């Protein structure tokens, strides 16, 4: 019984130590997701697709082109 309690304590301690580390990196994804999409192009493609009865799923939406 003592062995089971030791294993349970170790697992619980490990979970308590790992959970904060797993949640620590979630705020960085919002910073990288601030790219500007080319909404005019997306709208045009989705309009044509709607007229043809096709659904569009953007895996990598097009970004706006920045001219120098």
PDB file of N, CA and C in Angstrom:
ATOM      1  N   UNK A   1       0.824  -1.194   0.000  1.00  0.00           N
ATOM      2  CA  UNK A   1       0.000   0.000   0.000  1.00  0.00           C
ATOM      3  C   UNK A   1       0.866   1.255   0.000  1.00  0.00           C
ATOM      4  N   UNK A   2       1.995   1.183   0.696  1.00  0.00           N
ATOM      5  CA  UNK A   2       2.887   2.340   0.772  1.00  0.00           C
ATOM      6  C   UNK A   2       3.498   2.661  -0.591  1.00  0.00           C
ATOM      7  N   UNK A   3       3.768   1.627  -1.381  1.00  0.00           N
ATOM      8  CA  UNK A   3       4.333   1.829  -2.714  1.00  0.00           C
ATOM      9  C   UNK A   3       3.320   2.543  -3.606  1.00  0.00           C
ATOM     10  N   UNK A   4       2.070   2.158  -3.503  1.00  0.00           N
ATOM     11  CA  UNK A   4       1.021   2.791  -4.300  1.00  0.00           C
ATOM     12  C   UNK A   4       0.888   4.261  -3.925  1.00  0.00           C
ATOM     13  N   UNK A   5       0.967   4.567  -2.653  1.00  0.00           N
ATOM     14  CA  UNK A   5       0.865   5.957  -2.201  1.00  0.00           C
ATOM     15  C   UNK A   5       2.042   6.781  -2.705  1.00  0.00           C
ATOM     16  N   UNK A   6       3.251   6.200  -2.693  1.00  0.00           N
ATOM     17  CA  UNK A   6       4.422   6.922  -3.185  1.00  0.00           C
ATOM     18  C   UNK A   6       4.301   7.210  -4.684  1.00  0.00           C
ATOM     19  N   UNK A   7       3.831   6.225  -5.438  1.00  0.00           N
ATOM     20  CA  UNK A   7       3.659   6.415  -6.881  1.00  0.00           C
ATOM     21  C   UNK A   7       2.586   7.466  -7.145  1.00  0.00           C
ATOM     22  N   UNK A   8       1.511   7.421  -6.388  1.00  0.00           N
ATOM     23  CA  UNK A   8       0.437   8.395  -6.551  1.00  0.00           C
ATOM     24  C   UNK A   8       0.922   9.801  -6.234  1.00  0.00           C
ATOM     25  N   UNK A   9       1.687   9.938  -5.178  1.00  0.00           N
ATOM     26  CA  UNK A   9       2.232  11.257  -4.822  1.00  0.00           C
ATOM     27  C   UNK A   9       3.168  11.780  -5.898  1.00  0.00           C
ATOM     28  N   UNK A  10       4.009  10.900  -6.426  1.00  0.00           N
ATOM     29  CA  UNK A  10       4.947  11.326  -7.470  1.00  0.00           C
ATOM     30  C   UNK A  10       4.203  11.757  -8.736  1.00  0.00           C
ATOM     31  N   UNK A  11       3.176  11.013  -9.102  1.00  0.00           N
ATOM     32  CA  UNK A  11       2.389  11.382 -10.289  1.00  0.00           C
ATOM     33  C   UNK A  11       1.668  12.707 -10.084  1.00  0.00           C
ATOM     34  N   UNK A  12       1.116  12.894  -8.908  1.00  0.00           N
ATOM     35  CA  UNK A  12       0.427  14.143  -8.606  1.00  0.00           C
ATOM     36  C   UNK A  12       1.400  15.319  -8.609  1.00  0.00           C
ATOM     37  N   UNK A  13       2.570  15.125  -8.020  1.00  0.00           N
ATOM     38  CA  UNK A  13       3.586  16.177  -8.005  1.00  0.00           C
ATOM     39  C   UNK A  13       4.045  16.505  -9.423  1.00  0.00           C
ATOM     40  N   UNK A  14       4.244  15.480 -10.222  1.00  0.00           N
ATOM     41  CA  UNK A  14       4.658  15.697 -11.610  1.00  0.00           C
ATOM     42  C   UNK A  14       3.593  16.471 -12.385  1.00  0.00           C
ATOM     43  N   UNK A  15       2.332  16.126 -12.182  1.00  0.00           N
ATOM     44  CA  UNK A  15       1.246  16.834 -12.866  1.00  0.00           C
ATOM     45  C   UNK A  15       1.186  18.294 -12.438  1.00  0.00           C
ATOM     46  N   UNK A  16       1.387  18.550 -11.157  1.00  0.00           N
ATOM     47  CA  UNK A  16       1.350  19.927 -10.653  1.00  0.00           C
ATOM     48  C   UNK A  16       2.510  20.738 -11.218  1.00  0.00           C
ATOM     49  N   UNK A  17       3.650  20.105 -11.426  1.00  0.00           N
ATOM     50  CA  UNK A  17       4.805  20.822 -11.960  1.00  0.00           C
ATOM     51  C   UNK A  17       4.728  21.012 -13.472  1.00  0.00           C
ATOM     52  N   UNK A  18       4.111  20.093 -14.181  1.00  0.00           N
ATOM     53  CA  UNK A  18       4.080  20.149 -15.646  1.00  0.00           C
ATOM     54  C   UNK A  18       2.965  21.050 -16.165  1.00  0.00           C
ATOM     55  N   UNK A  19       1.826  21.093 -15.518  1.00  0.00           N
ATOM     56  CA  UNK A  19       0.690  21.876 -16.017  1.00  0.00           C
ATOM     57  C   UNK A  19       0.989  23.362 -16.195  1.00  0.00           C
ATOM     58  N   UNK A  20       1.624  24.043 -15.252  1.00  0.00           N
ATOM     59  CA  UNK A  20       1.926  25.465 -15.500  1.00  0.00           C
ATOM     60  C   UNK A  20       2.872  25.670 -16.678  1.00  0.00           C
ATOM     61  N   UNK A  21       3.794  24.754 -16.882  1.00  0.00           N
ATOM     62  CA  UNK A  21       4.715  24.877 -18.008  1.00  0.00           C
ATOM     63  C   UNK A  21       3.985  24.683 -19.331  1.00  0.00           C
ATOM     64  N   UNK A  22       2.989  23.833 -19.354  1.00  0.00           N
ATOM     65  CA  UNK A  22       2.237  23.590 -20.584  1.00  0.00           C
ATOM     66  C   UNK A  22       1.399  24.798 -20.972  1.00  0.00           C
ATOM     67  N   UNK A  23       0.924  25.547 -20.013  1.00  0.00           N
ATOM     68  CA  UNK A  23       0.083  26.713 -20.287  1.00  0.00           C
ATOM     69  C   UNK A  23       0.896  27.988 -20.497  1.00  0.00           C
ATOM     70  N   UNK A  24       2.167  27.957 -20.233  1.00  0.00           N
ATOM     71  CA  UNK A  24       2.979  29.167 -20.286  1.00  0.00           C
ATOM     72  C   UNK A  24       3.172  29.683 -21.707  1.00  0.00           C
ATOM     73  N   UNK A  25       3.171  28.832 -22.707  1.00  0.00           N
ATOM     74  CA  UNK A  25       3.463  29.255 -24.062  1.00  0.00           C
ATOM     75  C   UNK A  25       2.263  29.641 -24.892  1.00  0.00           C
ATOM     76  N   UNK A  26       1.087  29.700 -24.343  1.00  0.00           N
ATOM     77  CA  UNK A  26      -0.097  29.959 -25.155  1.00  0.00           C
ATOM     78  C   UNK A  26      -0.231  31.410 -25.594  1.00  0.00           C
ATOM     79  N   UNK A  27       0.368  32.363 -24.908  1.00  0.00           N
ATOM     80  CA  UNK A  27       0.201  33.768 -25.274  1.00  0.00           C
ATOM     81  C   UNK A  27       0.982  34.141 -26.527  1.00  0.00           C
ATOM     82  N   UNK A  28       1.996  33.385 -26.889  1.00  0.00           N
ATOM     83  CA  UNK A  28       2.806  33.707 -28.061  1.00  0.00           C
ATOM     84  C   UNK A  28       2.039  33.499 -29.363  1.00  0.00           C
ATOM     85  N   UNK A  29       1.062  32.628 -29.376  1.00  0.00           N
ATOM     86  CA  UNK A  29       0.343  32.364 -30.617  1.00  0.00           C
ATOM     87  C   UNK A  29      -0.481  33.564 -31.057  1.00  0.00           C
ATOM     88  N   UNK A  30      -0.939  34.369 -30.138  1.00  0.00           N
ATOM     89  CA  UNK A  30      -1.718  35.551 -30.512  1.00  0.00           C
ATOM     90  C   UNK A  30      -0.849  36.587 -31.215  1.00  0.00           C
ATOM     91  N   UNK A  31       0.387  36.692 -30.815  1.00  0.00           N
ATOM     92  CA  UNK A  31       1.284  37.662 -31.437  1.00  0.00           C
ATOM     93  C   UNK A  31       1.553  37.265 -32.880  1.00  0.00           C
ATOM     94  N   UNK A  32       1.783  35.990 -33.132  1.00  0.00           N
ATOM     95  CA  UNK A  32       2.086  35.558 -34.488  1.00  0.00           C
ATOM     96  C   UNK A  32       0.846  35.530 -35.376  1.00  0.00           C
ATOM     97  N   UNK A  33      -0.339  35.514 -34.789  1.00  0.00           N
ATOM     98  CA  UNK A  33      -1.562  35.455 -35.583  1.00  0.00           C
ATOM     99  C   UNK A  33      -2.044  36.833 -36.027  1.00  0.00           C
ATOM    100  N   UNK A  34      -1.278  37.871 -35.805  1.00  0.00           N
ATOM    101  CA  UNK A  34      -1.688  39.222 -36.161  1.00  0.00           C
ATOM    102  C   UNK A  34      -1.313  39.601 -37.592  1.00  0.00           C
ATOM    103  N   UNK A  35      -1.185  38.639 -38.472  1.00  0.00           N
ATOM    104  CA  UNK A  35      -0.862  38.979 -39.849  1.00  0.00           C
ATOM    105  C   UNK A  35      -2.102  39.567 -40.520  1.00  0.00           C
ATOM    106  N   UNK A  36      -1.877  40.346 -41.539  1.00  0.00           N
ATOM    107  CA  UNK A  36      -2.967  41.023 -42.237  1.00  0.00           C
ATOM    108  C   UNK A  36      -3.310  40.234 -43.494  1.00  0.00           C
ATOM    109  N   UNK A  37      -4.547  39.771 -43.553  1.00  0.00           N
ATOM    110  CA  UNK A  37      -4.979  38.978 -44.689  1.00  0.00           C
ATOM    111  C   UNK A  37      -5.453  39.883 -45.814  1.00  0.00           C
ATOM    112  N   UNK A  38      -5.311  39.395 -47.029  1.00  0.00           N
ATOM    113  CA  UNK A  38      -5.764  40.111 -48.215  1.00  0.00           C
ATOM    114  C   UNK A  38      -7.274  39.889 -48.346  1.00  0.00           C
ATOM    115  N   UNK A  39      -8.035  40.728 -47.653  1.00  0.00           N
ATOM    116  CA  UNK A  39      -9.484  40.532 -47.581  1.00  0.00           C
ATOM    117  C   UNK A  39     -10.174  40.742 -48.925  1.00  0.00           C
ATOM    118  N   UNK A  40      -9.635  41.608 -49.767  1.00  0.00           N
ATOM    119  CA  UNK A  40     -10.237  41.812 -51.093  1.00  0.00           C
ATOM    120  C   UNK A  40     -10.154  40.533 -51.925  1.00  0.00           C
ATOM    121  N   UNK A  41      -8.987  39.907 -51.917  1.00  0.00           N
ATOM    122  CA  UNK A  41      -8.797  38.669 -52.677  1.00  0.00           C
ATOM    123  C   UNK A  41      -9.645  37.539 -52.093  1.00  0.00           C
ATOM    124  N   UNK A  42      -9.659  37.438 -50.772  1.00  0.00           N
ATOM    125  CA  UNK A  42     -10.451  36.398 -50.114  1.00  0.00           C
ATOM    126  C   UNK A  42     -11.931  36.571 -50.446  1.00  0.00           C
ATOM    127  N   UNK A  43     -12.410  37.803 -50.403  1.00  0.00           N
ATOM    128  CA  UNK A  43     -13.817  38.071 -50.719  1.00  0.00           C
ATOM    129  C   UNK A  43     -14.142  37.719 -52.163  1.00  0.00           C
ATOM    130  N   UNK A  44     -13.241  38.059 -53.082  1.00  0.00           N
ATOM    131  CA  UNK A  44     -13.477  37.764 -54.495  1.00  0.00           C
ATOM    132  C   UNK A  44     -13.536  36.258 -54.739  1.00  0.00           C
ATOM    133  N   UNK A  45     -12.618  35.519 -54.140  1.00  0.00           N
ATOM    134  CA  UNK A  45     -12.600  34.065 -54.324  1.00  0.00           C
ATOM    135  C   UNK A  45     -13.841  33.432 -53.709  1.00  0.00           C
ATOM    136  N   UNK A  46     -14.218  33.881 -52.520  1.00  0.00           N
ATOM    137  CA  UNK A  46     -15.390  33.306 -51.868  1.00  0.00           C
ATOM    138  C   UNK A  46     -16.685  33.670 -52.595  1.00  0.00           C
ATOM    139  N   UNK A  47     -16.728  34.834 -53.216  1.00  0.00           N
ATOM    140  CA  UNK A  47     -17.910  35.236 -53.995  1.00  0.00           C
ATOM    141  C   UNK A  47     -18.079  34.333 -55.213  1.00  0.00           C
ATOM    142  N   UNK A  48     -16.993  34.117 -55.936  1.00  0.00           N
ATOM    143  CA  UNK A  48     -17.059  33.249 -57.115  1.00  0.00           C
ATOM    144  C   UNK A  48     -17.397  31.820 -56.694  1.00  0.00           C
ATOM    145  N   UNK A  49     -16.815  31.375 -55.599  1.00  0.00           N
ATOM    146  CA  UNK A  49     -17.101  30.021 -55.121  1.00  0.00           C
ATOM    147  C   UNK A  49     -18.565  29.880 -54.724  1.00  0.00           C
ATOM    148  N   UNK A  50     -19.113  30.904 -54.087  1.00  0.00           N
ATOM    149  CA  UNK A  50     -20.525  30.878 -53.692  1.00  0.00           C
ATOM    150  C   UNK A  50     -21.432  30.795 -54.915  1.00  0.00           C
ATOM    151  N   UNK A  51     -21.101  31.576 -55.946  1.00  0.00           N
ATOM    152  CA  UNK A  51     -21.899  31.570 -57.171  1.00  0.00           C
ATOM    153  C   UNK A  51     -21.876  30.197 -57.847  1.00  0.00           C
ATOM    154  N   UNK A  52     -20.758  29.490 -57.722  1.00  0.00           N
ATOM    155  CA  UNK A  52     -20.617  28.176 -58.351  1.00  0.00           C
ATOM    156  C   UNK A  52     -21.050  27.032 -57.433  1.00  0.00           C
ATOM    157  N   UNK A  53     -21.442  27.345 -56.216  1.00  0.00           N
ATOM    158  CA  UNK A  53     -21.876  26.308 -55.284  1.00  0.00           C
ATOM    159  C   UNK A  53     -20.742  25.525 -54.659  1.00  0.00           C
ATOM    160  N   UNK A  54     -19.606  26.177 -54.527  1.00  0.00           N
ATOM    161  CA  UNK A  54     -18.420  25.528 -53.966  1.00  0.00           C
ATOM    162  C   UNK A  54     -18.094  26.179 -52.629  1.00  0.00           C
ATOM    163  N   UNK A  55     -17.633  25.380 -51.682  1.00  0.00           N
ATOM    164  CA  UNK A  55     -17.212  25.928 -50.388  1.00  0.00           C
ATOM    165  C   UNK A  55     -15.699  26.050 -50.367  1.00  0.00           C
ATOM    166  N   UNK A  56     -15.198  27.127 -49.802  1.00  0.00           N
ATOM    167  CA  UNK A  56     -13.761  27.374 -49.714  1.00  0.00           C
ATOM    168  C   UNK A  56     -13.341  27.277 -48.261  1.00  0.00           C
ATOM    169  N   UNK A  57     -12.296  26.504 -48.008  1.00  0.00           N
ATOM    170  CA  UNK A  57     -11.699  26.408 -46.679  1.00  0.00           C
ATOM    171  C   UNK A  57     -10.262  26.890 -46.791  1.00  0.00           C
ATOM    172  N   UNK A  58      -9.961  28.008 -46.150  1.00  0.00           N
ATOM    173  CA  UNK A  58      -8.624  28.586 -46.222  1.00  0.00           C
ATOM    174  C   UNK A  58      -7.727  27.908 -45.192  1.00  0.00           C
ATOM    175  N   UNK A  59      -6.750  27.166 -45.662  1.00  0.00           N
ATOM    176  CA  UNK A  59      -5.759  26.563 -44.778  1.00  0.00           C
ATOM    177  C   UNK A  59      -4.678  27.593 -44.485  1.00  0.00           C
ATOM    178  N   UNK A  60      -4.205  28.248 -45.516  1.00  0.00           N
ATOM    179  CA  UNK A  60      -3.230  29.329 -45.396  1.00  0.00           C
ATOM    180  C   UNK A  60      -3.789  30.532 -46.146  1.00  0.00           C
ATOM    181  N   UNK A  61      -4.546  31.385 -45.472  1.00  0.00           N
ATOM    182  CA  UNK A  61      -5.128  32.534 -46.158  1.00  0.00           C
ATOM    183  C   UNK A  61      -4.039  33.451 -46.713  1.00  0.00           C
ATOM    184  N   UNK A  62      -4.307  34.067 -47.860  1.00  0.00           N
ATOM    185  CA  UNK A  62      -3.296  34.942 -48.457  1.00  0.00           C
ATOM    186  C   UNK A  62      -3.094  36.209 -47.629  1.00  0.00           C
ATOM    187  N   UNK A  63      -1.851  36.600 -47.498  1.00  0.00           N
ATOM    188  CA  UNK A  63      -1.506  37.833 -46.781  1.00  0.00           C
ATOM    189  C   UNK A  63      -1.469  39.003 -47.747  1.00  0.00           C
ATOM    190  N   UNK A  64      -1.671  40.199 -47.212  1.00  0.00           N
ATOM    191  CA  UNK A  64      -1.562  41.403 -48.031  1.00  0.00           C
ATOM    192  C   UNK A  64      -0.126  41.576 -48.500  1.00  0.00           C
ATOM    193  N   UNK A  65       0.003  42.032 -49.711  1.00  0.00           N
ATOM    194  CA  UNK A  65       1.342  42.313 -50.232  1.00  0.00           C
ATOM    195  C   UNK A  65       1.724  43.729 -49.841  1.00  0.00           C
ATOM    196  N   UNK A  66       2.893  43.858 -49.299  1.00  0.00           N
ATOM    197  CA  UNK A  66       3.385  45.171 -48.874  1.00  0.00           C
ATOM    198  C   UNK A  66       4.327  45.690 -49.946  1.00  0.00           C
ATOM    199  N   UNK A  67       3.964  46.835 -50.520  1.00  0.00           N
ATOM    200  CA  UNK A  67       4.805  47.425 -51.557  1.00  0.00           C
ATOM    201  C   UNK A  67       5.733  48.446 -50.928  1.00  0.00           C
ATOM    202  N   UNK A  68       6.956  48.445 -51.389  1.00  0.00           N
ATOM    203  CA  UNK A  68       7.965  49.370 -50.836  1.00  0.00           C
ATOM    204  C   UNK A  68       7.774  50.772 -51.322  1.00  0.00           C
TER     205      UNK A  68
END
